[in-house]
Amino acid sequence: MEILYLLIPLSVVLVFLIGAIFWWSVRSGQFDDMEGPGYRVLMDDDRSGPGLDKDDASGDNNKNESEVVRK
């Protein structure tokens, strides 16, 4: 029973120490995503840009029958 007088304060100190180390690591950028921005560039879904018509930029992919080229 007397060991609890040592273990409880020791565990509280350990919890605060782990919390402080975790807080420091988050604030210093240890958990930053290094691969995500590269994937976002490759998977970009923007419809605006050079080479697109005004109709295409609005996102309307439906074409009239007169616009469809038939072979």
PDB file of N, CA and C in Angstrom:
ATOM      1  N   MET A   1       0.820  -1.188   0.000  1.00  0.00           N
ATOM      2  CA  MET A   1       0.000   0.000   0.000  1.00  0.00           C
ATOM      3  C   MET A   1       0.871   1.262   0.000  1.00  0.00           C
ATOM      4  N   GLU A   2       2.018   1.187   0.624  1.00  0.00           N
ATOM      5  CA  GLU A   2       2.896   2.346   0.692  1.00  0.00           C
ATOM      6  C   GLU A   2       3.522   2.677  -0.660  1.00  0.00           C
ATOM      7  N   ILE A   3       3.570   1.699  -1.551  1.00  0.00           N
ATOM      8  CA  ILE A   3       4.153   1.942  -2.881  1.00  0.00           C
ATOM      9  C   ILE A   3       3.287   2.901  -3.691  1.00  0.00           C
ATOM     10  N   LEU A   4       1.982   2.988  -3.364  1.00  0.00           N
ATOM     11  CA  LEU A   4       1.093   3.901  -4.073  1.00  0.00           C
ATOM     12  C   LEU A   4       1.492   5.361  -3.872  1.00  0.00           C
ATOM     13  N   TYR A   5       2.105   5.672  -2.739  1.00  0.00           N
ATOM     14  CA  TYR A   5       2.573   7.037  -2.495  1.00  0.00           C
ATOM     15  C   TYR A   5       3.682   7.424  -3.463  1.00  0.00           C
ATOM     16  N   LEU A   6       4.340   6.457  -4.008  1.00  0.00           N
ATOM     17  CA  LEU A   6       5.377   6.709  -4.998  1.00  0.00           C
ATOM     18  C   LEU A   6       4.828   6.604  -6.422  1.00  0.00           C
ATOM     19  N   LEU A   7       3.996   5.601  -6.677  1.00  0.00           N
ATOM     20  CA  LEU A   7       3.553   5.331  -8.035  1.00  0.00           C
ATOM     21  C   LEU A   7       2.558   6.369  -8.568  1.00  0.00           C
ATOM     22  N   ILE A   8       1.667   6.863  -7.735  1.00  0.00           N
ATOM     23  CA  ILE A   8       0.669   7.822  -8.212  1.00  0.00           C
ATOM     24  C   ILE A   8       1.329   9.149  -8.618  1.00  0.00           C
ATOM     25  N   PRO A   9       2.158   9.773  -7.803  1.00  0.00           N
ATOM     26  CA  PRO A   9       2.822  10.997  -8.269  1.00  0.00           C
ATOM     27  C   PRO A   9       3.754  10.764  -9.463  1.00  0.00           C
ATOM     28  N   LEU A  10       4.404   9.610  -9.482  1.00  0.00           N
ATOM     29  CA  LEU A  10       5.274   9.294 -10.605  1.00  0.00           C
ATOM     30  C   LEU A  10       4.477   9.170 -11.901  1.00  0.00           C
ATOM     31  N   SER A  11       3.312   8.547 -11.840  1.00  0.00           N
ATOM     32  CA  SER A  11       2.485   8.403 -13.038  1.00  0.00           C
ATOM     33  C   SER A  11       1.922   9.757 -13.488  1.00  0.00           C
ATOM     34  N   VAL A  12       1.590  10.633 -12.560  1.00  0.00           N
ATOM     35  CA  VAL A  12       1.100  11.968 -12.923  1.00  0.00           C
ATOM     36  C   VAL A  12       2.209  12.760 -13.606  1.00  0.00           C
ATOM     37  N   VAL A  13       3.403  12.703 -13.073  1.00  0.00           N
ATOM     38  CA  VAL A  13       4.540  13.390 -13.691  1.00  0.00           C
ATOM     39  C   VAL A  13       4.810  12.818 -15.079  1.00  0.00           C
ATOM     40  N   LEU A  14       4.722  11.523 -15.227  1.00  0.00           N
ATOM     41  CA  LEU A  14       4.954  10.875 -16.511  1.00  0.00           C
ATOM     42  C   LEU A  14       3.903  11.306 -17.538  1.00  0.00           C
ATOM     43  N   VAL A  15       2.655  11.410 -17.127  1.00  0.00           N
ATOM     44  CA  VAL A  15       1.590  11.851 -18.041  1.00  0.00           C
ATOM     45  C   VAL A  15       1.851  13.277 -18.505  1.00  0.00           C
ATOM     46  N   PHE A  16       2.216  14.173 -17.591  1.00  0.00           N
ATOM     47  CA  PHE A  16       2.509  15.548 -17.982  1.00  0.00           C
ATOM     48  C   PHE A  16       3.739  15.628 -18.878  1.00  0.00           C
ATOM     49  N   LEU A  17       4.736  14.816 -18.626  1.00  0.00           N
ATOM     50  CA  LEU A  17       5.930  14.795 -19.457  1.00  0.00           C
ATOM     51  C   LEU A  17       5.601  14.322 -20.875  1.00  0.00           C
ATOM     52  N   ILE A  18       4.818  13.276 -20.992  1.00  0.00           N
ATOM     53  CA  ILE A  18       4.421  12.771 -22.311  1.00  0.00           C
ATOM     54  C   ILE A  18       3.565  13.808 -23.030  1.00  0.00           C
ATOM     55  N   GLY A  19       2.660  14.455 -22.299  1.00  0.00           N
ATOM     56  CA  GLY A  19       1.833  15.502 -22.902  1.00  0.00           C
ATOM     57  C   GLY A  19       2.659  16.667 -23.403  1.00  0.00           C
ATOM     58  N   ALA A  20       3.667  17.079 -22.639  1.00  0.00           N
ATOM     59  CA  ALA A  20       4.528  18.190 -23.052  1.00  0.00           C
ATOM     60  C   ALA A  20       5.345  17.825 -24.288  1.00  0.00           C
ATOM     61  N   ILE A  21       5.851  16.608 -24.339  1.00  0.00           N
ATOM     62  CA  ILE A  21       6.620  16.165 -25.513  1.00  0.00           C
ATOM     63  C   ILE A  21       5.721  16.092 -26.737  1.00  0.00           C
ATOM     64  N   PHE A  22       4.508  15.602 -26.566  1.00  0.00           N
ATOM     65  CA  PHE A  22       3.569  15.527 -27.685  1.00  0.00           C
ATOM     66  C   PHE A  22       3.199  16.937 -28.166  1.00  0.00           C
ATOM     67  N   TRP A  23       2.941  17.855 -27.254  1.00  0.00           N
ATOM     68  CA  TRP A  23       2.596  19.229 -27.606  1.00  0.00           C
ATOM     69  C   TRP A  23       3.757  19.883 -28.368  1.00  0.00           C
ATOM     70  N   TRP A  24       4.975  19.678 -27.910  1.00  0.00           N
ATOM     71  CA  TRP A  24       6.138  20.231 -28.598  1.00  0.00           C
ATOM     72  C   TRP A  24       6.259  19.667 -30.012  1.00  0.00           C
ATOM     73  N   SER A  25       6.038  18.360 -30.158  1.00  0.00           N
ATOM     74  CA  SER A  25       6.202  17.748 -31.473  1.00  0.00           C
ATOM     75  C   SER A  25       5.135  18.235 -32.455  1.00  0.00           C
ATOM     76  N   VAL A  26       3.928  18.468 -31.978  1.00  0.00           N
ATOM     77  CA  VAL A  26       2.886  18.996 -32.859  1.00  0.00           C
ATOM     78  C   VAL A  26       3.207  20.428 -33.259  1.00  0.00           C
ATOM     79  N   ARG A  27       3.648  21.229 -32.311  1.00  0.00           N
ATOM     80  CA  ARG A  27       3.952  22.638 -32.589  1.00  0.00           C
ATOM     81  C   ARG A  27       5.182  22.803 -33.493  1.00  0.00           C
ATOM     82  N   SER A  28       6.118  21.879 -33.445  1.00  0.00           N
ATOM     83  CA  SER A  28       7.338  22.007 -34.243  1.00  0.00           C
ATOM     84  C   SER A  28       7.201  21.378 -35.627  1.00  0.00           C
ATOM     85  N   GLY A  29       6.030  20.812 -35.954  1.00  0.00           N
ATOM     86  CA  GLY A  29       5.804  20.302 -37.303  1.00  0.00           C
ATOM     87  C   GLY A  29       6.220  18.872 -37.526  1.00  0.00           C
ATOM     88  N   GLN A  30       6.339  18.094 -36.480  1.00  0.00           N
ATOM     89  CA  GLN A  30       6.762  16.706 -36.642  1.00  0.00           C
ATOM     90  C   GLN A  30       5.701  15.852 -37.335  1.00  0.00           C
ATOM     91  N   PHE A  31       4.452  16.292 -37.299  1.00  0.00           N
ATOM     92  CA  PHE A  31       3.366  15.516 -37.887  1.00  0.00           C
ATOM     93  C   PHE A  31       2.844  16.158 -39.163  1.00  0.00           C
ATOM     94  N   ASP A  32       3.613  17.023 -39.814  1.00  0.00           N
ATOM     95  CA  ASP A  32       3.197  17.635 -41.066  1.00  0.00           C
ATOM     96  C   ASP A  32       3.130  16.577 -42.160  1.00  0.00           C
ATOM     97  N   ASP A  33       2.173  16.751 -43.043  1.00  0.00           N
ATOM     98  CA  ASP A  33       1.989  15.824 -44.153  1.00  0.00           C
ATOM     99  C   ASP A  33       2.928  16.229 -45.283  1.00  0.00           C
ATOM    100  N   MET A  34       3.890  15.396 -45.578  1.00  0.00           N
ATOM    101  CA  MET A  34       4.871  15.719 -46.602  1.00  0.00           C
ATOM    102  C   MET A  34       4.446  15.222 -47.985  1.00  0.00           C
ATOM    103  N   GLU A  35       3.579  14.228 -48.074  1.00  0.00           N
ATOM    104  CA  GLU A  35       3.193  13.660 -49.354  1.00  0.00           C
ATOM    105  C   GLU A  35       1.873  14.202 -49.875  1.00  0.00           C
ATOM    106  N   GLY A  36       1.021  14.705 -49.001  1.00  0.00           N
ATOM    107  CA  GLY A  36      -0.307  15.167 -49.386  1.00  0.00           C
ATOM    108  C   GLY A  36      -0.319  16.256 -50.446  1.00  0.00           C
ATOM    109  N   PRO A  37       0.504  17.312 -50.324  1.00  0.00           N
ATOM    110  CA  PRO A  37       0.484  18.351 -51.357  1.00  0.00           C
ATOM    111  C   PRO A  37       0.860  17.831 -52.746  1.00  0.00           C
ATOM    112  N   GLY A  38       1.776  16.888 -52.809  1.00  0.00           N
ATOM    113  CA  GLY A  38       2.140  16.308 -54.102  1.00  0.00           C
ATOM    114  C   GLY A  38       0.993  15.536 -54.732  1.00  0.00           C
ATOM    115  N   TYR A  39       0.249  14.802 -53.920  1.00  0.00           N
ATOM    116  CA  TYR A  39      -0.903  14.075 -54.437  1.00  0.00           C
ATOM    117  C   TYR A  39      -2.021  15.030 -54.847  1.00  0.00           C
ATOM    118  N   ARG A  40      -2.187  16.132 -54.115  1.00  0.00           N
ATOM    119  CA  ARG A  40      -3.239  17.088 -54.463  1.00  0.00           C
ATOM    120  C   ARG A  40      -2.949  17.757 -55.804  1.00  0.00           C
ATOM    121  N   VAL A  41      -1.685  17.967 -56.125  1.00  0.00           N
ATOM    122  CA  VAL A  41      -1.348  18.549 -57.418  1.00  0.00           C
ATOM    123  C   VAL A  41      -1.711  17.576 -58.533  1.00  0.00           C
ATOM    124  N   LEU A  42      -1.439  16.307 -58.330  1.00  0.00           N
ATOM    125  CA  LEU A  42      -1.730  15.311 -59.356  1.00  0.00           C
ATOM    126  C   LEU A  42      -3.214  15.052 -59.512  1.00  0.00           C
ATOM    127  N   MET A  43      -3.970  15.150 -58.444  1.00  0.00           N
ATOM    128  CA  MET A  43      -5.399  14.850 -58.473  1.00  0.00           C
ATOM    129  C   MET A  43      -6.249  16.118 -58.529  1.00  0.00           C
ATOM    130  N   ASP A  44      -5.716  17.189 -59.103  1.00  0.00           N
ATOM    131  CA  ASP A  44      -6.418  18.464 -59.167  1.00  0.00           C
ATOM    132  C   ASP A  44      -7.635  18.339 -60.078  1.00  0.00           C
ATOM    133  N   ASP A  45      -8.793  18.771 -59.591  1.00  0.00           N
ATOM    134  CA  ASP A  45     -10.040  18.649 -60.344  1.00  0.00           C
ATOM    135  C   ASP A  45     -10.558  19.989 -60.845  1.00  0.00           C
ATOM    136  N   ASP A  46      -9.740  21.026 -60.858  1.00  0.00           N
ATOM    137  CA  ASP A  46     -10.206  22.318 -61.340  1.00  0.00           C
ATOM    138  C   ASP A  46     -10.557  22.211 -62.813  1.00  0.00           C
ATOM    139  N   ARG A  47     -11.686  22.813 -63.179  1.00  0.00           N
ATOM    140  CA  ARG A  47     -12.126  22.772 -64.562  1.00  0.00           C
ATOM    141  C   ARG A  47     -11.686  24.013 -65.330  1.00  0.00           C
ATOM    142  N   SER A  48     -11.272  25.059 -64.659  1.00  0.00           N
ATOM    143  CA  SER A  48     -10.868  26.269 -65.365  1.00  0.00           C
ATOM    144  C   SER A  48      -9.394  26.185 -65.732  1.00  0.00           C
ATOM    145  N   GLY A  49      -9.073  26.817 -66.823  1.00  0.00           N
ATOM    146  CA  GLY A  49      -7.690  26.815 -67.251  1.00  0.00           C
ATOM    147  C   GLY A  49      -7.596  27.040 -68.741  1.00  0.00           C
ATOM    148  N   PRO A  50      -6.392  27.166 -69.271  1.00  0.00           N
ATOM    149  CA  PRO A  50      -6.239  27.399 -70.703  1.00  0.00           C
ATOM    150  C   PRO A  50      -6.655  26.166 -71.492  1.00  0.00           C
ATOM    151  N   GLY A  51      -7.264  26.404 -72.632  1.00  0.00           N
ATOM    152  CA  GLY A  51      -7.656  25.300 -73.487  1.00  0.00           C
ATOM    153  C   GLY A  51      -9.078  24.833 -73.262  1.00  0.00           C
ATOM    154  N   LEU A  52      -9.759  25.375 -72.290  1.00  0.00           N
ATOM    155  CA  LEU A  52     -11.146  25.005 -72.050  1.00  0.00           C
ATOM    156  C   LEU A  52     -12.060  26.129 -72.519  1.00  0.00           C
ATOM    157  N   ASP A  53     -13.176  25.761 -73.101  1.00  0.00           N
ATOM    158  CA  ASP A  53     -14.151  26.758 -73.528  1.00  0.00           C
ATOM    159  C   ASP A  53     -14.859  27.328 -72.318  1.00  0.00           C
ATOM    160  N   LYS A  54     -15.584  28.418 -72.538  1.00  0.00           N
ATOM    161  CA  LYS A  54     -16.362  28.993 -71.446  1.00  0.00           C
ATOM    162  C   LYS A  54     -17.415  28.008 -70.964  1.00  0.00           C
ATOM    163  N   ASP A  55     -18.014  27.263 -71.903  1.00  0.00           N
ATOM    164  CA  ASP A  55     -19.041  26.290 -71.518  1.00  0.00           C
ATOM    165  C   ASP A  55     -18.442  25.174 -70.677  1.00  0.00           C
ATOM    166  N   ASP A  56     -17.215  24.752 -71.016  1.00  0.00           N
ATOM    167  CA  ASP A  56     -16.571  23.685 -70.259  1.00  0.00           C
ATOM    168  C   ASP A  56     -16.185  24.144 -68.866  1.00  0.00           C
ATOM    169  N   ALA A  57     -15.819  25.415 -68.715  1.00  0.00           N
ATOM    170  CA  ALA A  57     -15.410  25.935 -67.413  1.00  0.00           C
ATOM    171  C   ALA A  57     -16.558  25.963 -66.419  1.00  0.00           C
ATOM    172  N   SER A  58     -17.795  26.032 -66.938  1.00  0.00           N
ATOM    173  CA  SER A  58     -18.940  26.046 -66.028  1.00  0.00           C
ATOM    174  C   SER A  58     -19.224  24.666 -65.464  1.00  0.00           C
ATOM    175  N   GLY A  59     -18.616  23.646 -66.044  1.00  0.00           N
ATOM    176  CA  GLY A  59     -18.816  22.294 -65.545  1.00  0.00           C
ATOM    177  C   GLY A  59     -19.940  21.559 -66.249  1.00  0.00           C
ATOM    178  N   ASP A  60     -20.536  22.169 -67.268  1.00  0.00           N
ATOM    179  CA  ASP A  60     -21.631  21.541 -67.987  1.00  0.00           C
ATOM    180  C   ASP A  60     -21.055  20.668 -69.084  1.00  0.00           C
ATOM    181  N   ASN A  61     -21.126  19.377 -68.903  1.00  0.00           N
ATOM    182  CA  ASN A  61     -20.561  18.448 -69.881  1.00  0.00           C
ATOM    183  C   ASN A  61     -21.599  17.982 -70.885  1.00  0.00           C
ATOM    184  N   ASN A  62     -22.852  18.399 -70.745  1.00  0.00           N
ATOM    185  CA  ASN A  62     -23.902  17.999 -71.676  1.00  0.00           C
ATOM    186  C   ASN A  62     -23.775  18.813 -72.948  1.00  0.00           C
ATOM    187  N   LYS A  63     -23.772  18.145 -74.075  1.00  0.00           N
ATOM    188  CA  LYS A  63     -23.652  18.826 -75.359  1.00  0.00           C
ATOM    189  C   LYS A  63     -24.945  18.622 -76.129  1.00  0.00           C
ATOM    190  N   ASN A  64     -25.269  19.620 -76.924  1.00  0.00           N
ATOM    191  CA  ASN A  64     -26.433  19.503 -77.789  1.00  0.00           C
ATOM    192  C   ASN A  64     -26.137  18.488 -78.876  1.00  0.00           C
ATOM    193  N   GLU A  65     -27.184  17.997 -79.532  1.00  0.00           N
ATOM    194  CA  GLU A  65     -26.975  17.025 -80.599  1.00  0.00           C
ATOM    195  C   GLU A  65     -26.228  17.645 -81.767  1.00  0.00           C
ATOM    196  N   SER A  66     -26.373  18.962 -81.950  1.00  0.00           N
ATOM    197  CA  SER A  66     -25.682  19.620 -83.057  1.00  0.00           C
ATOM    198  C   SER A  66     -24.173  19.716 -82.794  1.00  0.00           C
ATOM    199  N   GLU A  67     -23.775  19.644 -81.553  1.00  0.00           N
ATOM    200  CA  GLU A  67     -22.361  19.739 -81.217  1.00  0.00           C
ATOM    201  C   GLU A  67     -21.650  18.396 -81.284  1.00  0.00           C
ATOM    202  N   VAL A  68     -22.394  17.306 -81.296  1.00  0.00           N
ATOM    203  CA  VAL A  68     -21.804  15.974 -81.321  1.00  0.00           C
ATOM    204  C   VAL A  68     -21.393  15.644 -82.738  1.00  0.00           C
ATOM    205  N   VAL A  69     -20.162  15.253 -82.929  1.00  0.00           N
ATOM    206  CA  VAL A  69     -19.650  14.886 -84.252  1.00  0.00           C
ATOM    207  C   VAL A  69     -19.888  13.409 -84.450  1.00  0.00           C
ATOM    208  N   ARG A  70     -20.590  13.079 -85.531  1.00  0.00           N
ATOM    209  CA  ARG A  70     -20.889  11.665 -85.817  1.00  0.00           C
ATOM    210  C   ARG A  70     -20.027  11.203 -86.971  1.00  0.00           C
ATOM    211  N   LYS A  71     -19.591   9.966 -86.931  1.00  0.00           N
ATOM    212  CA  LYS A  71     -18.755   9.393 -87.995  1.00  0.00           C
ATOM    213  C   LYS A  71     -19.613   8.706 -89.014  1.00  0.00           C
TER     214      LYS A  71
END
